[in-house]
Amino acid sequence: SLGPVFTSCSPTYGIVVATILPVNFALGTVYITAYA
């Protein structure tokens, strides 16, 4: 239940989601995993 809440707290997370994930899904997933 905490996942959606934790994802709203980091500017780096926001950048990865906005700029990396749409372009390179695999690389974005790696960065999100590192954040988590």
PDB file of all heavy atoms in Angstrom:
ATOM      1  N   SER A   1       0.813  -1.223   0.000  1.00  0.00           N
ATOM      2  CA  SER A   1       0.000   0.000   0.000  1.00  0.00           C
ATOM      3  C   SER A   1       0.841   1.266   0.000  1.00  0.00           C
ATOM      4  O   SER A   1       0.345   2.350  -0.332  1.00  0.00           O
ATOM      5  CB  SER A   1      -0.918   0.008   1.228  1.00  0.00           C
ATOM      6  OG  SER A   1      -0.177   0.214   2.419  1.00  0.00           O
ATOM      7  N   LEU A   2       2.128   1.159   0.361  1.00  0.00           N
ATOM      8  CA  LEU A   2       2.982   2.338   0.480  1.00  0.00           C
ATOM      9  C   LEU A   2       3.598   2.783  -0.842  1.00  0.00           C
ATOM     10  O   LEU A   2       4.069   3.912  -0.955  1.00  0.00           O
ATOM     11  CB  LEU A   2       4.099   2.071   1.494  1.00  0.00           C
ATOM     12  CG  LEU A   2       3.658   1.869   2.944  1.00  0.00           C
ATOM     13  CD1 LEU A   2       4.849   1.476   3.806  1.00  0.00           C
ATOM     14  CD2 LEU A   2       3.000   3.127   3.487  1.00  0.00           C
ATOM     15  N   GLY A   3       3.614   1.909  -1.843  1.00  0.00           N
ATOM     16  CA  GLY A   3       4.261   2.227  -3.111  1.00  0.00           C
ATOM     17  C   GLY A   3       3.830   3.531  -3.735  1.00  0.00           C
ATOM     18  O   GLY A   3       4.664   4.398  -4.042  1.00  0.00           O
ATOM     19  N   PRO A   4       2.528   3.758  -3.940  1.00  0.00           N
ATOM     20  CA  PRO A   4       2.084   5.001  -4.579  1.00  0.00           C
ATOM     21  C   PRO A   4       2.471   6.246  -3.805  1.00  0.00           C
ATOM     22  O   PRO A   4       2.676   7.308  -4.395  1.00  0.00           O
ATOM     23  CB  PRO A   4       0.548   4.828  -4.615  1.00  0.00           C
ATOM     24  CG  PRO A   4       0.345   3.360  -4.620  1.00  0.00           C
ATOM     25  CD  PRO A   4       1.422   2.810  -3.731  1.00  0.00           C
ATOM     26  N   VAL A   5       2.569   6.135  -2.481  1.00  0.00           N
ATOM     27  CA  VAL A   5       2.909   7.293  -1.657  1.00  0.00           C
ATOM     28  C   VAL A   5       4.391   7.608  -1.752  1.00  0.00           C
ATOM     29  O   VAL A   5       4.798   8.771  -1.865  1.00  0.00           O
ATOM     30  CB  VAL A   5       2.511   7.050  -0.189  1.00  0.00           C
ATOM     31  CG1 VAL A   5       2.747   8.303   0.646  1.00  0.00           C
ATOM     32  CG2 VAL A   5       1.049   6.623  -0.095  1.00  0.00           C
ATOM     33  N   PHE A   6       5.234   6.563  -1.747  1.00  0.00           N
ATOM     34  CA  PHE A   6       6.676   6.762  -1.813  1.00  0.00           C
ATOM     35  C   PHE A   6       7.122   7.351  -3.145  1.00  0.00           C
ATOM     36  O   PHE A   6       8.188   7.958  -3.229  1.00  0.00           O
ATOM     37  CB  PHE A   6       7.409   5.429  -1.602  1.00  0.00           C
ATOM     38  CG  PHE A   6       7.534   5.033  -0.156  1.00  0.00           C
ATOM     39  CD1 PHE A   6       7.416   3.704   0.219  1.00  0.00           C
ATOM     40  CD2 PHE A   6       7.771   5.978   0.823  1.00  0.00           C
ATOM     41  CE1 PHE A   6       7.539   3.320   1.551  1.00  0.00           C
ATOM     42  CE2 PHE A   6       7.890   5.615   2.156  1.00  0.00           C
ATOM     43  CZ  PHE A   6       7.774   4.280   2.518  1.00  0.00           C
ATOM     44  N   THR A   7       6.340   7.171  -4.207  1.00  0.00           N
ATOM     45  CA  THR A   7       6.785   7.595  -5.530  1.00  0.00           C
ATOM     46  C   THR A   7       6.581   9.087  -5.802  1.00  0.00           C
ATOM     47  O   THR A   7       6.824   9.537  -6.919  1.00  0.00           O
ATOM     48  CB  THR A   7       6.045   6.805  -6.632  1.00  0.00           C
ATOM     49  OG1 THR A   7       4.628   6.988  -6.469  1.00  0.00           O
ATOM     50  CG2 THR A   7       6.377   5.334  -6.562  1.00  0.00           C
ATOM     51  N   SER A   8       6.160   9.835  -4.806  1.00  0.00           N
ATOM     52  CA  SER A   8       5.895  11.257  -5.040  1.00  0.00           C
ATOM     53  C   SER A   8       6.892  12.161  -4.325  1.00  0.00           C
ATOM     54  O   SER A   8       6.636  13.338  -4.152  1.00  0.00           O
ATOM     55  CB  SER A   8       4.477  11.593  -4.551  1.00  0.00           C
ATOM     56  OG  SER A   8       4.376  11.410  -3.150  1.00  0.00           O
ATOM     57  N   CYS A   9       8.037  11.611  -3.930  1.00  0.00           N
ATOM     58  CA  CYS A   9       8.900  12.336  -3.001  1.00  0.00           C
ATOM     59  C   CYS A   9      10.270  12.755  -3.545  1.00  0.00           C
ATOM     60  O   CYS A   9      11.013  13.408  -2.836  1.00  0.00           O
ATOM     61  CB  CYS A   9       9.129  11.478  -1.755  1.00  0.00           C
ATOM     62  SG  CYS A   9       7.630  11.137  -0.846  1.00  0.00           S
ATOM     63  N   SER A  10      10.627  12.353  -4.744  1.00  0.00           N
ATOM     64  CA  SER A  10      11.985  12.606  -5.202  1.00  0.00           C
ATOM     65  C   SER A  10      12.011  13.277  -6.575  1.00  0.00           C
ATOM     66  O   SER A  10      11.375  12.795  -7.514  1.00  0.00           O
ATOM     67  CB  SER A  10      12.759  11.288  -5.273  1.00  0.00           C
ATOM     68  OG  SER A  10      13.947  11.428  -6.015  1.00  0.00           O
ATOM     69  N   PRO A  11      12.769  14.386  -6.722  1.00  0.00           N
ATOM     70  CA  PRO A  11      12.898  15.003  -8.044  1.00  0.00           C
ATOM     71  C   PRO A  11      13.597  14.091  -9.044  1.00  0.00           C
ATOM     72  O   PRO A  11      13.273  14.107 -10.230  1.00  0.00           O
ATOM     73  CB  PRO A  11      13.721  16.269  -7.760  1.00  0.00           C
ATOM     74  CG  PRO A  11      14.363  16.049  -6.434  1.00  0.00           C
ATOM     75  CD  PRO A  11      13.432  15.168  -5.671  1.00  0.00           C
ATOM     76  N   THR A  12      14.556  13.291  -8.574  1.00  0.00           N
ATOM     77  CA  THR A  12      15.241  12.358  -9.476  1.00  0.00           C
ATOM     78  C   THR A  12      14.255  11.321 -10.001  1.00  0.00           C
ATOM     79  O   THR A  12      14.256  10.998 -11.195  1.00  0.00           O
ATOM     80  CB  THR A  12      16.394  11.635  -8.751  1.00  0.00           C
ATOM     81  OG1 THR A  12      17.308  12.605  -8.242  1.00  0.00           O
ATOM     82  CG2 THR A  12      17.123  10.698  -9.705  1.00  0.00           C
ATOM     83  N   TYR A  13      13.421  10.814  -9.119  1.00  0.00           N
ATOM     84  CA  TYR A  13      12.391   9.863  -9.547  1.00  0.00           C
ATOM     85  C   TYR A  13      11.507  10.502 -10.617  1.00  0.00           C
ATOM     86  O   TYR A  13      11.176   9.884 -11.621  1.00  0.00           O
ATOM     87  CB  TYR A  13      11.549   9.445  -8.339  1.00  0.00           C
ATOM     88  CG  TYR A  13      10.334   8.624  -8.703  1.00  0.00           C
ATOM     89  CD1 TYR A  13      10.408   7.237  -8.806  1.00  0.00           C
ATOM     90  CD2 TYR A  13       9.098   9.236  -8.942  1.00  0.00           C
ATOM     91  CE1 TYR A  13       9.298   6.484  -9.145  1.00  0.00           C
ATOM     92  CE2 TYR A  13       7.989   8.494  -9.282  1.00  0.00           C
ATOM     93  CZ  TYR A  13       8.093   7.122  -9.382  1.00  0.00           C
ATOM     94  OH  TYR A  13       6.992   6.384  -9.736  1.00  0.00           O
ATOM     95  N   GLY A  14      11.128  11.753 -10.385  1.00  0.00           N
ATOM     96  CA  GLY A  14      10.286  12.457 -11.347  1.00  0.00           C
ATOM     97  C   GLY A  14      10.954  12.606 -12.696  1.00  0.00           C
ATOM     98  O   GLY A  14      10.311  12.463 -13.748  1.00  0.00           O
ATOM     99  N   ILE A  15      12.247  12.885 -12.692  1.00  0.00           N
ATOM    100  CA  ILE A  15      12.989  13.041 -13.948  1.00  0.00           C
ATOM    101  C   ILE A  15      13.061  11.723 -14.701  1.00  0.00           C
ATOM    102  O   ILE A  15      12.869  11.670 -15.917  1.00  0.00           O
ATOM    103  CB  ILE A  15      14.404  13.579 -13.659  1.00  0.00           C
ATOM    104  CG1 ILE A  15      14.329  15.038 -13.205  1.00  0.00           C
ATOM    105  CG2 ILE A  15      15.300  13.455 -14.903  1.00  0.00           C
ATOM    106  CD1 ILE A  15      15.653  15.597 -12.753  1.00  0.00           C
ATOM    107  N   VAL A  16      13.337  10.648 -13.974  1.00  0.00           N
ATOM    108  CA  VAL A  16      13.418   9.327 -14.615  1.00  0.00           C
ATOM    109  C   VAL A  16      12.083   8.966 -15.252  1.00  0.00           C
ATOM    110  O   VAL A  16      12.022   8.511 -16.397  1.00  0.00           O
ATOM    111  CB  VAL A  16      13.825   8.248 -13.578  1.00  0.00           C
ATOM    112  CG1 VAL A  16      13.680   6.855 -14.186  1.00  0.00           C
ATOM    113  CG2 VAL A  16      15.255   8.473 -13.118  1.00  0.00           C
ATOM    114  N   VAL A  17      11.005   9.182 -14.521  1.00  0.00           N
ATOM    115  CA  VAL A  17       9.677   8.833 -15.016  1.00  0.00           C
ATOM    116  C   VAL A  17       9.293   9.684 -16.218  1.00  0.00           C
ATOM    117  O   VAL A  17       8.692   9.197 -17.182  1.00  0.00           O
ATOM    118  CB  VAL A  17       8.628   8.989 -13.893  1.00  0.00           C
ATOM    119  CG1 VAL A  17       7.213   8.895 -14.455  1.00  0.00           C
ATOM    120  CG2 VAL A  17       8.842   7.917 -12.831  1.00  0.00           C
ATOM    121  N   ALA A  18       9.662  10.971 -16.177  1.00  0.00           N
ATOM    122  CA  ALA A  18       9.239  11.896 -17.228  1.00  0.00           C
ATOM    123  C   ALA A  18      10.110  11.818 -18.478  1.00  0.00           C
ATOM    124  O   ALA A  18       9.613  11.988 -19.601  1.00  0.00           O
ATOM    125  CB  ALA A  18       9.237  13.326 -16.687  1.00  0.00           C
ATOM    126  N   THR A  19      11.417  11.564 -18.305  1.00  0.00           N
ATOM    127  CA  THR A  19      12.319  11.674 -19.453  1.00  0.00           C
ATOM    128  C   THR A  19      12.963  10.358 -19.889  1.00  0.00           C
ATOM    129  O   THR A  19      13.273  10.197 -21.073  1.00  0.00           O
ATOM    130  CB  THR A  19      13.455  12.673 -19.142  1.00  0.00           C
ATOM    131  OG1 THR A  19      14.257  12.169 -18.067  1.00  0.00           O
ATOM    132  CG2 THR A  19      12.888  14.022 -18.768  1.00  0.00           C
ATOM    133  N   ILE A  20      13.184   9.446 -18.950  1.00  0.00           N
ATOM    134  CA  ILE A  20      13.892   8.210 -19.288  1.00  0.00           C
ATOM    135  C   ILE A  20      12.926   7.072 -19.622  1.00  0.00           C
ATOM    136  O   ILE A  20      13.051   6.402 -20.644  1.00  0.00           O
ATOM    137  CB  ILE A  20      14.824   7.772 -18.143  1.00  0.00           C
ATOM    138  CG1 ILE A  20      15.794   8.898 -17.782  1.00  0.00           C
ATOM    139  CG2 ILE A  20      15.592   6.504 -18.541  1.00  0.00           C
ATOM    140  CD1 ILE A  20      16.730   9.287 -18.892  1.00  0.00           C
ATOM    141  N   LEU A  21      11.956   6.855 -18.757  1.00  0.00           N
ATOM    142  CA  LEU A  21      11.054   5.719 -18.903  1.00  0.00           C
ATOM    143  C   LEU A  21      10.298   5.707 -20.239  1.00  0.00           C
ATOM    144  O   LEU A  21      10.196   4.655 -20.872  1.00  0.00           O
ATOM    145  CB  LEU A  21      10.075   5.678 -17.731  1.00  0.00           C
ATOM    146  CG  LEU A  21       9.347   4.352 -17.477  1.00  0.00           C
ATOM    147  CD1 LEU A  21      10.349   3.224 -17.255  1.00  0.00           C
ATOM    148  CD2 LEU A  21       8.423   4.477 -16.277  1.00  0.00           C
ATOM    149  N   PRO A  22       9.777   6.860 -20.706  1.00  0.00           N
ATOM    150  CA  PRO A  22       9.055   6.829 -21.980  1.00  0.00           C
ATOM    151  C   PRO A  22       9.955   6.521 -23.177  1.00  0.00           C
ATOM    152  O   PRO A  22       9.489   5.990 -24.190  1.00  0.00           O
ATOM    153  CB  PRO A  22       8.475   8.251 -22.087  1.00  0.00           C
ATOM    154  CG  PRO A  22       8.458   8.768 -20.696  1.00  0.00           C
ATOM    155  CD  PRO A  22       9.675   8.170 -20.056  1.00  0.00           C
ATOM    156  N   VAL A  23      11.246   6.861 -23.071  1.00  0.00           N
ATOM    157  CA  VAL A  23      12.177   6.672 -24.185  1.00  0.00           C
ATOM    158  C   VAL A  23      12.822   5.295 -24.155  1.00  0.00           C
ATOM    159  O   VAL A  23      12.959   4.617 -25.182  1.00  0.00           O
ATOM    160  CB  VAL A  23      13.270   7.772 -24.161  1.00  0.00           C
ATOM    161  CG1 VAL A  23      14.289   7.541 -25.280  1.00  0.00           C
ATOM    162  CG2 VAL A  23      12.634   9.146 -24.291  1.00  0.00           C
ATOM    163  N   ASN A  24      13.257   4.883 -22.977  1.00  0.00           N
ATOM    164  CA  ASN A  24      13.936   3.600 -22.815  1.00  0.00           C
ATOM    165  C   ASN A  24      13.348   2.900 -21.602  1.00  0.00           C
ATOM    166  O   ASN A  24      13.748   3.148 -20.466  1.00  0.00           O
ATOM    167  CB  ASN A  24      15.443   3.817 -22.643  1.00  0.00           C
ATOM    168  CG  ASN A  24      16.233   2.523 -22.740  1.00  0.00           C
ATOM    169  OD1 ASN A  24      15.777   1.469 -22.323  1.00  0.00           O
ATOM    170  ND2 ASN A  24      17.444   2.601 -23.281  1.00  0.00           N
ATOM    171  N   PHE A  25      12.393   2.024 -21.848  1.00  0.00           N
ATOM    172  CA  PHE A  25      11.659   1.365 -20.767  1.00  0.00           C
ATOM    173  C   PHE A  25      12.599   0.547 -19.872  1.00  0.00           C
ATOM    174  O   PHE A  25      12.501   0.589 -18.649  1.00  0.00           O
ATOM    175  CB  PHE A  25      10.580   0.462 -21.356  1.00  0.00           C
ATOM    176  CG  PHE A  25       9.621  -0.097 -20.341  1.00  0.00           C
ATOM    177  CD1 PHE A  25       8.555   0.657 -19.887  1.00  0.00           C
ATOM    178  CD2 PHE A  25       9.791  -1.376 -19.835  1.00  0.00           C
ATOM    179  CE1 PHE A  25       7.663   0.150 -18.955  1.00  0.00           C
ATOM    180  CE2 PHE A  25       8.907  -1.900 -18.903  1.00  0.00           C
ATOM    181  CZ  PHE A  25       7.842  -1.126 -18.465  1.00  0.00           C
ATOM    182  N   ALA A  26      13.520  -0.179 -20.477  1.00  0.00           N
ATOM    183  CA  ALA A  26      14.426  -1.044 -19.708  1.00  0.00           C
ATOM    184  C   ALA A  26      15.344  -0.216 -18.818  1.00  0.00           C
ATOM    185  O   ALA A  26      15.528  -0.524 -17.628  1.00  0.00           O
ATOM    186  CB  ALA A  26      15.243  -1.909 -20.653  1.00  0.00           C
ATOM    187  N   LEU A  27      15.930   0.848 -19.384  1.00  0.00           N
ATOM    188  CA  LEU A  27      16.832   1.694 -18.609  1.00  0.00           C
ATOM    189  C   LEU A  27      16.078   2.421 -17.505  1.00  0.00           C
ATOM    190  O   LEU A  27      16.567   2.542 -16.377  1.00  0.00           O
ATOM    191  CB  LEU A  27      17.520   2.708 -19.535  1.00  0.00           C
ATOM    192  CG  LEU A  27      18.623   3.568 -18.902  1.00  0.00           C
ATOM    193  CD1 LEU A  27      19.738   2.685 -18.365  1.00  0.00           C
ATOM    194  CD2 LEU A  27      19.163   4.564 -19.928  1.00  0.00           C
ATOM    195  N   GLY A  28      14.876   2.893 -17.819  1.00  0.00           N
ATOM    196  CA  GLY A  28      14.062   3.549 -16.805  1.00  0.00           C
ATOM    197  C   GLY A  28      13.743   2.616 -15.655  1.00  0.00           C
ATOM    198  O   GLY A  28      13.742   3.017 -14.488  1.00  0.00           O
ATOM    199  N   THR A  29      13.482   1.356 -15.976  1.00  0.00           N
ATOM    200  CA  THR A  29      13.192   0.361 -14.950  1.00  0.00           C
ATOM    201  C   THR A  29      14.397   0.158 -14.034  1.00  0.00           C
ATOM    202  O   THR A  29      14.253   0.020 -12.810  1.00  0.00           O
ATOM    203  CB  THR A  29      12.804  -0.986 -15.588  1.00  0.00           C
ATOM    204  OG1 THR A  29      11.653  -0.801 -16.424  1.00  0.00           O
ATOM    205  CG2 THR A  29      12.497  -2.027 -14.530  1.00  0.00           C
ATOM    206  N   VAL A  30      15.590   0.152 -14.609  1.00  0.00           N
ATOM    207  CA  VAL A  30      16.825  -0.004 -13.822  1.00  0.00           C
ATOM    208  C   VAL A  30      16.969   1.161 -12.849  1.00  0.00           C
ATOM    209  O   VAL A  30      17.286   0.969 -11.660  1.00  0.00           O
ATOM    210  CB  VAL A  30      18.053  -0.086 -14.743  1.00  0.00           C
ATOM    211  CG1 VAL A  30      19.345  -0.021 -13.916  1.00  0.00           C
ATOM    212  CG2 VAL A  30      18.028  -1.366 -15.566  1.00  0.00           C
ATOM    213  N   TYR A  31      16.719   2.378 -13.322  1.00  0.00           N
ATOM    214  CA  TYR A  31      16.860   3.559 -12.462  1.00  0.00           C
ATOM    215  C   TYR A  31      15.808   3.566 -11.348  1.00  0.00           C
ATOM    216  O   TYR A  31      16.112   3.918 -10.201  1.00  0.00           O
ATOM    217  CB  TYR A  31      16.728   4.842 -13.292  1.00  0.00           C
ATOM    218  CG  TYR A  31      17.882   5.088 -14.235  1.00  0.00           C
ATOM    219  CD1 TYR A  31      17.724   5.832 -15.400  1.00  0.00           C
ATOM    220  CD2 TYR A  31      19.150   4.567 -13.965  1.00  0.00           C
ATOM    221  CE1 TYR A  31      18.780   6.051 -16.270  1.00  0.00           C
ATOM    222  CE2 TYR A  31      20.215   4.781 -14.838  1.00  0.00           C
ATOM    223  CZ  TYR A  31      20.023   5.525 -15.987  1.00  0.00           C
ATOM    224  OH  TYR A  31      21.071   5.745 -16.841  1.00  0.00           O
ATOM    225  N   ILE A  32      14.576   3.195 -11.697  1.00  0.00           N
ATOM    226  CA  ILE A  32      13.520   3.147 -10.688  1.00  0.00           C
ATOM    227  C   ILE A  32      13.848   2.093  -9.631  1.00  0.00           C
ATOM    228  O   ILE A  32      13.635   2.301  -8.434  1.00  0.00           O
ATOM    229  CB  ILE A  32      12.158   2.821 -11.350  1.00  0.00           C
ATOM    230  CG1 ILE A  32      11.716   3.990 -12.247  1.00  0.00           C
ATOM    231  CG2 ILE A  32      11.097   2.528 -10.294  1.00  0.00           C
ATOM    232  CD1 ILE A  32      11.538   5.297 -11.520  1.00  0.00           C
ATOM    233  N   THR A  33      14.397   0.973 -10.070  1.00  0.00           N
ATOM    234  CA  THR A  33      14.790  -0.084  -9.136  1.00  0.00           C
ATOM    235  C   THR A  33      15.892   0.402  -8.207  1.00  0.00           C
ATOM    236  O   THR A  33      15.880   0.125  -6.994  1.00  0.00           O
ATOM    237  CB  THR A  33      15.263  -1.334  -9.899  1.00  0.00           C
ATOM    238  OG1 THR A  33      14.207  -1.803 -10.754  1.00  0.00           O
ATOM    239  CG2 THR A  33      15.658  -2.448  -8.939  1.00  0.00           C
ATOM    240  N   ALA A  34      16.859   1.140  -8.755  1.00  0.00           N
ATOM    241  CA  ALA A  34      17.942   1.693  -7.940  1.00  0.00           C
ATOM    242  C   ALA A  34      17.387   2.650  -6.888  1.00  0.00           C
ATOM    243  O   ALA A  34      17.804   2.636  -5.718  1.00  0.00           O
ATOM    244  CB  ALA A  34      18.958   2.411  -8.831  1.00  0.00           C
ATOM    245  N   TYR A  35      16.441   3.468  -7.304  1.00  0.00           N
ATOM    246  CA  TYR A  35      15.796   4.401  -6.370  1.00  0.00           C
ATOM    247  C   TYR A  35      15.113   3.638  -5.239  1.00  0.00           C
ATOM    248  O   TYR A  35      15.282   3.961  -4.048  1.00  0.00           O
ATOM    249  CB  TYR A  35      14.782   5.261  -7.121  1.00  0.00           C
ATOM    250  CG  TYR A  35      13.825   6.013  -6.226  1.00  0.00           C
ATOM    251  CD1 TYR A  35      14.223   7.175  -5.564  1.00  0.00           C
ATOM    252  CD2 TYR A  35      12.523   5.565  -6.017  1.00  0.00           C
ATOM    253  CE1 TYR A  35      13.352   7.860  -4.724  1.00  0.00           C
ATOM    254  CE2 TYR A  35      11.652   6.241  -5.185  1.00  0.00           C
ATOM    255  CZ  TYR A  35      12.063   7.387  -4.550  1.00  0.00           C
ATOM    256  OH  TYR A  35      11.208   8.062  -3.722  1.00  0.00           O
ATOM    257  N   ALA A  36      14.354   2.616  -5.597  1.00  0.00           N
ATOM    258  CA  ALA A  36      13.620   1.826  -4.600  1.00  0.00           C
ATOM    259  C   ALA A  36      14.568   1.114  -3.640  1.00  0.00           C
ATOM    260  O   ALA A  36      14.313   1.029  -2.435  1.00  0.00           O
ATOM    261  CB  ALA A  36      12.712   0.817  -5.301  1.00  0.00           C
TER     262      ALA A  36
END
